[in-house]
PDB file of N, CA and C in Angstrom:
ATOM      1  N   MET A   1      49.870  79.860 134.243  1.00  0.00           N
ATOM      2  CA  MET A   1      49.854  80.818 134.641  1.00  0.00           C
ATOM      3  C   MET A   1      50.886  81.153 135.771  1.00  0.00           C
ATOM      4  N   LEU A   2      51.327  80.162 136.452  1.00  0.00           N
ATOM      5  CA  LEU A   2      52.468  80.311 137.414  1.00  0.00           C
ATOM      6  C   LEU A   2      53.724  80.634 136.482  1.00  0.00           C
ATOM      7  N   THR A   3      53.873  80.085 135.134  1.00  0.00           N
ATOM      8  CA  THR A   3      54.865  80.369 134.672  1.00  0.00           C
ATOM      9  C   THR A   3      55.057  81.751 134.066  1.00  0.00           C
ATOM     10  N   LEU A   4      53.962  82.434 133.599  1.00  0.00           N
ATOM     11  CA  LEU A   4      53.729  83.704 133.485  1.00  0.00           C
ATOM     12  C   LEU A   4      54.137  84.805 134.612  1.00  0.00           C
ATOM     13  N   ILE A   5      53.561  84.540 135.792  1.00  0.00           N
ATOM     14  CA  ILE A   5      53.922  85.289 137.021  1.00  0.00           C
ATOM     15  C   ILE A   5      55.486  84.991 137.391  1.00  0.00           C
ATOM     16  N   PHE A   6      55.950  83.843 137.192  1.00  0.00           N
ATOM     17  CA  PHE A   6      57.227  83.674 137.482  1.00  0.00           C
ATOM     18  C   PHE A   6      58.427  84.375 136.461  1.00  0.00           C
ATOM     19  N   ILE A   7      57.773  84.467 135.199  1.00  0.00           N
ATOM     20  CA  ILE A   7      58.684  85.140 134.330  1.00  0.00           C
ATOM     21  C   ILE A   7      58.547  86.789 134.392  1.00  0.00           C
ATOM     22  N   CYS A   8      57.284  87.151 134.999  1.00  0.00           N
ATOM     23  CA  CYS A   8      57.209  88.607 135.204  1.00  0.00           C
ATOM     24  C   CYS A   8      58.071  88.964 136.414  1.00  0.00           C
ATOM     25  N   LEU A   9      57.905  88.361 137.426  1.00  0.00           N
ATOM     26  CA  LEU A   9      58.876  88.530 138.822  1.00  0.00           C
ATOM     27  C   LEU A   9      60.546  88.343 138.380  1.00  0.00           C
ATOM     28  N   MET A  10      60.811  87.260 137.574  1.00  0.00           N
ATOM     29  CA  MET A  10      62.241  87.284 137.266  1.00  0.00           C
ATOM     30  C   MET A  10      62.639  88.625 136.320  1.00  0.00           C
ATOM     31  N   ILE A  11      61.998  88.951 135.232  1.00  0.00           N
ATOM     32  CA  ILE A  11      62.162  90.199 134.719  1.00  0.00           C
ATOM     33  C   ILE A  11      62.347  91.270 135.631  1.00  0.00           C
ATOM     34  N   GLY A  12      61.404  91.480 136.445  1.00  0.00           N
ATOM     35  CA  GLY A  12      61.639  92.457 137.476  1.00  0.00           C
ATOM     36  C   GLY A  12      62.814  92.754 138.182  1.00  0.00           C
ATOM     37  N   VAL A  13      63.110  91.523 138.932  1.00  0.00           N
ATOM     38  CA  VAL A  13      64.236  91.334 139.941  1.00  0.00           C
ATOM     39  C   VAL A  13      65.480  91.469 138.907  1.00  0.00           C
ATOM     40  N   PHE A  14      65.515  90.961 138.006  1.00  0.00           N
ATOM     41  CA  PHE A  14      67.011  90.953 137.168  1.00  0.00           C
ATOM     42  C   PHE A  14      66.988  92.212 136.484  1.00  0.00           C
ATOM     43  N   GLY A  15      65.998  92.944 136.152  1.00  0.00           N
ATOM     44  CA  GLY A  15      65.929  94.139 135.396  1.00  0.00           C
ATOM     45  C   GLY A  15      66.394  95.103 136.589  1.00  0.00           C
ATOM     46  N   LYS A  16      65.923  95.110 137.791  1.00  0.00           N
ATOM     47  CA  LYS A  16      66.496  96.134 138.789  1.00  0.00           C
ATOM     48  C   LYS A  16      68.138  95.855 139.160  1.00  0.00           C
ATOM     49  N   LEU A  17      68.537  94.598 138.916  1.00  0.00           N
ATOM     50  CA  LEU A  17      69.948  94.412 139.051  1.00  0.00           C
ATOM     51  C   LEU A  17      70.725  94.669 137.928  1.00  0.00           C
ATOM     52  N   VAL A  18      70.254  94.560 136.655  1.00  0.00           N
ATOM     53  CA  VAL A  18      70.976  95.231 135.678  1.00  0.00           C
ATOM     54  C   VAL A  18      71.070  96.573 135.730  1.00  0.00           C
ATOM     55  N   TRP A  19      69.957  97.435 136.165  1.00  0.00           N
ATOM     56  CA  TRP A  19      69.930  98.752 136.283  1.00  0.00           C
ATOM     57  C   TRP A  19      71.063  99.086 137.257  1.00  0.00           C
ATOM     58  N   PHE A  20      71.083  98.477 138.331  1.00  0.00           N
ATOM     59  CA  PHE A  20      71.915  98.652 139.509  1.00  0.00           C
ATOM     60  C   PHE A  20      73.448  98.361 138.994  1.00  0.00           C
ATOM     61  N   ALA A  21      73.656  97.406 138.083  1.00  0.00           N
ATOM     62  CA  ALA A  21      75.062  97.198 137.543  1.00  0.00           C
ATOM     63  C   ALA A  21      75.453  98.067 136.500  1.00  0.00           C
ATOM     64  N   ILE A  22      74.489  98.804 135.722  1.00  0.00           N
ATOM     65  CA  ILE A  22      75.034  99.944 134.749  1.00  0.00           C
ATOM     66  C   ILE A  22      75.194 101.199 135.450  1.00  0.00           C
ATOM     67  N   ARG A  23      74.529 101.577 136.653  1.00  0.00           N
ATOM     68  CA  ARG A  23      74.711 102.656 137.292  1.00  0.00           C
ATOM     69  C   ARG A  23      75.979 102.703 137.995  1.00  0.00           C
ATOM     70  N   ALA A  24      76.483 101.374 138.662  1.00  0.00           N
ATOM     71  CA  ALA A  24      77.674 101.159 139.214  1.00  0.00           C
ATOM     72  C   ALA A  24      78.858 101.343 138.233  1.00  0.00           C
ATOM     73  N   ALA A  25      78.573 100.504 137.145  1.00  0.00           N
ATOM     74  CA  ALA A  25      79.813 100.729 136.159  1.00  0.00           C
ATOM     75  C   ALA A  25      79.752 102.225 135.738  1.00  0.00           C
ATOM     76  N   TRP A  26      78.842 102.828 135.628  1.00  0.00           N
ATOM     77  CA  TRP A  26      79.157 104.444 135.167  1.00  0.00           C
ATOM     78  C   TRP A  26      79.816 105.070 136.113  1.00  0.00           C
ATOM     79  N   GLY A  27      79.539 104.950 137.479  1.00  0.00           N
ATOM     80  CA  GLY A  27      80.132 105.476 138.543  1.00  0.00           C
ATOM     81  C   GLY A  27      81.576 105.280 138.425  1.00  0.00           C
ATOM     82  N   ILE A  28      82.049 104.041 138.243  1.00  0.00           N
ATOM     83  CA  ILE A  28      83.434 103.451 138.229  1.00  0.00           C
ATOM     84  C   ILE A  28      84.133 104.147 136.916  1.00  0.00           C
ATOM     85  N   THR A  29      83.385 104.271 135.714  1.00  0.00           N
ATOM     86  CA  THR A  29      83.825 104.782 134.589  1.00  0.00           C
ATOM     87  C   THR A  29      84.563 106.304 134.911  1.00  0.00           C
ATOM     88  N   LYS A  30      83.519 107.174 135.441  1.00  0.00           N
ATOM     89  CA  LYS A  30      83.596 108.509 135.914  1.00  0.00           C
ATOM     90  C   LYS A  30      84.888 108.655 136.615  1.00  0.00           C
ATOM     91  N   VAL A  31      84.812 107.856 137.828  1.00  0.00           N
ATOM     92  CA  VAL A  31      86.068 107.984 138.754  1.00  0.00           C
ATOM     93  C   VAL A  31      87.298 107.625 137.954  1.00  0.00           C
ATOM     94  N   LEU A  32      87.275 106.343 137.111  1.00  0.00           N
ATOM     95  CA  LEU A  32      88.609 106.093 136.243  1.00  0.00           C
ATOM     96  C   LEU A  32      88.891 107.018 135.182  1.00  0.00           C
ATOM     97  N   PHE A  33      87.858 107.793 134.798  1.00  0.00           N
ATOM     98  CA  PHE A  33      88.600 108.901 133.575  1.00  0.00           C
ATOM     99  C   PHE A  33      89.055 110.097 134.386  1.00  0.00           C
ATOM    100  N   THR A  34      88.464 110.507 135.585  1.00  0.00           N
ATOM    101  CA  THR A  34      88.714 111.648 136.191  1.00  0.00           C
ATOM    102  C   THR A  34      90.137 111.606 136.771  1.00  0.00           C
ATOM    103  N   ILE A  35      90.402 110.589 137.508  1.00  0.00           N
ATOM    104  CA  ILE A  35      91.611 110.332 138.415  1.00  0.00           C
ATOM    105  C   ILE A  35      92.872 109.847 137.583  1.00  0.00           C
ATOM    106  N   ILE A  36      92.427 108.930 136.504  1.00  0.00           N
ATOM    107  CA  ILE A  36      93.359 108.174 135.868  1.00  0.00           C
ATOM    108  C   ILE A  36      93.867 108.935 134.508  1.00  0.00           C
ATOM    109  N   PHE A  37      92.526 108.879 133.507  1.00  0.00           N
ATOM    110  CA  PHE A  37      92.995 109.111 132.171  1.00  0.00           C
ATOM    111  C   PHE A  37      93.330 110.495 131.879  1.00  0.00           C
ATOM    112  N   LEU A  38      92.371 111.418 132.610  1.00  0.00           N
ATOM    113  CA  LEU A  38      92.575 112.792 132.350  1.00  0.00           C
ATOM    114  C   LEU A  38      94.086 113.459 132.404  1.00  0.00           C
ATOM    115  N   PRO A  39      94.568 113.085 133.876  1.00  0.00           N
ATOM    116  CA  PRO A  39      95.882 113.599 134.089  1.00  0.00           C
ATOM    117  C   PRO A  39      97.016 112.908 133.242  1.00  0.00           C
ATOM    118  N   VAL A  40      96.686 111.871 132.804  1.00  0.00           N
ATOM    119  CA  VAL A  40      97.795 111.176 131.873  1.00  0.00           C
ATOM    120  C   VAL A  40      97.872 111.665 130.212  1.00  0.00           C
ATOM    121  N   ILE A  41      96.331 111.823 129.795  1.00  0.00           N
ATOM    122  CA  ILE A  41      96.351 112.712 128.816  1.00  0.00           C
ATOM    123  C   ILE A  41      96.918 113.977 128.566  1.00  0.00           C
ATOM    124  N   LEU A  42      96.712 114.802 129.856  1.00  0.00           N
ATOM    125  CA  LEU A  42      97.310 116.141 129.820  1.00  0.00           C
ATOM    126  C   LEU A  42      98.760 116.139 129.852  1.00  0.00           C
ATOM    127  N   ILE A  43      99.322 115.184 130.600  1.00  0.00           N
ATOM    128  CA  ILE A  43     100.960 115.060 130.609  1.00  0.00           C
ATOM    129  C   ILE A  43     101.271 114.696 129.401  1.00  0.00           C
ATOM    130  N   ALA A  44     100.626 113.597 128.926  1.00  0.00           N
ATOM    131  CA  ALA A  44     101.215 113.308 127.368  1.00  0.00           C
ATOM    132  C   ALA A  44     101.134 114.479 126.399  1.00  0.00           C
ATOM    133  N   LEU A  45     100.143 115.141 126.412  1.00  0.00           N
ATOM    134  CA  LEU A  45     100.058 116.330 125.555  1.00  0.00           C
ATOM    135  C   LEU A  45     101.106 117.369 125.945  1.00  0.00           C
ATOM    136  N   PHE A  46     101.324 117.674 127.017  1.00  0.00           N
ATOM    137  CA  PHE A  46     102.468 118.557 127.619  1.00  0.00           C
ATOM    138  C   PHE A  46     103.898 117.995 127.032  1.00  0.00           C
ATOM    139  N   VAL A  47     104.150 116.645 127.423  1.00  0.00           N
ATOM    140  CA  VAL A  47     105.638 116.113 126.862  1.00  0.00           C
ATOM    141  C   VAL A  47     105.524 115.969 125.445  1.00  0.00           C
ATOM    142  N   GLY A  48     104.466 115.764 124.598  1.00  0.00           N
ATOM    143  CA  GLY A  48     104.502 115.759 123.033  1.00  0.00           C
ATOM    144  C   GLY A  48     104.639 117.054 122.722  1.00  0.00           C
ATOM    145  N   GLY A  49     104.722 117.998 123.393  1.00  0.00           N
ATOM    146  CA  GLY A  49     104.757 119.372 122.689  1.00  0.00           C
ATOM    147  C   GLY A  49     103.677 120.164 122.517  1.00  0.00           C
ATOM    148  N   PHE A  50     102.626 119.764 122.897  1.00  0.00           N
ATOM    149  CA  PHE A  50     101.363 120.688 122.827  1.00  0.00           C
ATOM    150  C   PHE A  50     101.016 121.284 124.096  1.00  0.00           C
ATOM    151  N   ALA A  51     101.679 121.948 124.590  1.00  0.00           N
ATOM    152  CA  ALA A  51     101.637 122.591 125.919  1.00  0.00           C
ATOM    153  C   ALA A  51     100.419 123.464 125.885  1.00  0.00           C
ATOM    154  N   TYR A  52     100.129 124.112 124.827  1.00  0.00           N
ATOM    155  CA  TYR A  52      99.059 125.309 124.725  1.00  0.00           C
ATOM    156  C   TYR A  52      97.689 124.385 124.863  1.00  0.00           C
ATOM    157  N   VAL A  53      97.604 123.327 124.128  1.00  0.00           N
ATOM    158  CA  VAL A  53      96.609 122.567 124.209  1.00  0.00           C
ATOM    159  C   VAL A  53      96.240 121.907 125.484  1.00  0.00           C
ATOM    160  N   ALA A  54      97.388 121.598 126.072  1.00  0.00           N
ATOM    161  CA  ALA A  54      97.249 120.853 127.287  1.00  0.00           C
ATOM    162  C   ALA A  54      96.855 121.950 128.363  1.00  0.00           C
ATOM    163  N   LEU A  55      97.422 123.201 128.300  1.00  0.00           N
ATOM    164  CA  LEU A  55      96.905 124.243 129.132  1.00  0.00           C
ATOM    165  C   LEU A  55      95.455 124.679 128.884  1.00  0.00           C
ATOM    166  N   ILE A  56      95.001 124.748 127.887  1.00  0.00           N
ATOM    167  CA  ILE A  56      93.516 125.108 127.456  1.00  0.00           C
ATOM    168  C   ILE A  56      92.906 123.923 128.203  1.00  0.00           C
ATOM    169  N   GLY A  57      93.141 122.775 128.015  1.00  0.00           N
ATOM    170  CA  GLY A  57      92.264 121.696 128.476  1.00  0.00           C
ATOM    171  C   GLY A  57      92.311 121.703 129.946  1.00  0.00           C
ATOM    172  N   LEU A  58      93.389 122.034 130.553  1.00  0.00           N
ATOM    173  CA  LEU A  58      93.431 122.231 131.982  1.00  0.00           C
ATOM    174  C   LEU A  58      92.451 123.248 132.515  1.00  0.00           C
ATOM    175  N   LEU A  59      92.655 124.296 131.634  1.00  0.00           N
ATOM    176  CA  LEU A  59      91.877 125.609 132.105  1.00  0.00           C
ATOM    177  C   LEU A  59      90.280 125.321 132.139  1.00  0.00           C
ATOM    178  N   ILE A  60      89.973 124.671 130.898  1.00  0.00           N
ATOM    179  CA  ILE A  60      88.418 124.192 130.696  1.00  0.00           C
ATOM    180  C   ILE A  60      87.929 123.392 131.807  1.00  0.00           C
ATOM    181  N   VAL A  61      88.774 122.304 132.125  1.00  0.00           N
ATOM    182  CA  VAL A  61      88.330 121.055 133.134  1.00  0.00           C
ATOM    183  C   VAL A  61      88.420 121.959 134.566  1.00  0.00           C
ATOM    184  N   GLY A  62      89.469 122.814 134.784  1.00  0.00           N
ATOM    185  CA  GLY A  62      89.458 123.527 136.167  1.00  0.00           C
ATOM    186  C   GLY A  62      88.100 124.438 136.439  1.00  0.00           C
ATOM    187  N   ALA A  63      87.747 125.151 135.233  1.00  0.00           N
ATOM    188  CA  ALA A  63      86.664 125.822 135.302  1.00  0.00           C
ATOM    189  C   ALA A  63      85.359 125.036 135.541  1.00  0.00           C
ATOM    190  N   LEU A  64      85.166 124.048 134.581  1.00  0.00           N
ATOM    191  CA  LEU A  64      84.110 123.332 134.748  1.00  0.00           C
ATOM    192  C   LEU A  64      83.760 122.651 136.201  1.00  0.00           C
ATOM    193  N   SER A  65      84.911 122.237 136.711  1.00  0.00           N
ATOM    194  CA  SER A  65      84.968 121.563 138.189  1.00  0.00           C
ATOM    195  C   SER A  65      84.509 122.716 139.311  1.00  0.00           C
ATOM    196  N   LEU A  66      85.263 123.906 138.969  1.00  0.00           N
ATOM    197  CA  LEU A  66      84.978 125.045 139.930  1.00  0.00           C
ATOM    198  C   LEU A  66      83.286 125.381 139.879  1.00  0.00           C
ATOM    199  N   VAL A  67      82.844 125.431 138.718  1.00  0.00           N
ATOM    200  CA  VAL A  67      81.571 125.644 138.383  1.00  0.00           C
ATOM    201  C   VAL A  67      80.603 124.573 138.953  1.00  0.00           C
ATOM    202  N   LYS A  68      80.932 123.400 138.861  1.00  0.00           N
ATOM    203  CA  LYS A  68      80.043 122.316 139.280  1.00  0.00           C
ATOM    204  C   LYS A  68      79.988 122.096 140.760  1.00  0.00           C
ATOM    205  N   THR A  69      81.027 122.425 141.452  1.00  0.00           N
ATOM    206  CA  THR A  69      81.231 122.378 142.873  1.00  0.00           C
ATOM    207  C   THR A  69      80.436 123.671 143.618  1.00  0.00           C
ATOM    208  N   ILE A  70      80.202 124.562 143.051  1.00  0.00           N
ATOM    209  CA  ILE A  70      79.346 125.675 143.613  1.00  0.00           C
ATOM    210  C   ILE A  70      78.107 125.650 143.211  1.00  0.00           C
TER     211      ILE A  70
END
């Protein structure tokens, strides 16, 4: 009986820790993509000769960020 209670409590505690770790990793991933990868991709597109694609991507991201902040 004690083993069953211990297992249930252990799953509860470590389940919450895993959930917290997933949420933290998701937040870090969003920051990484927003601050590092998106500008690098847009610059690479522009330098690679895809200026129209980079401009359209920049306009879409700008419009989305403007709508999301309002």
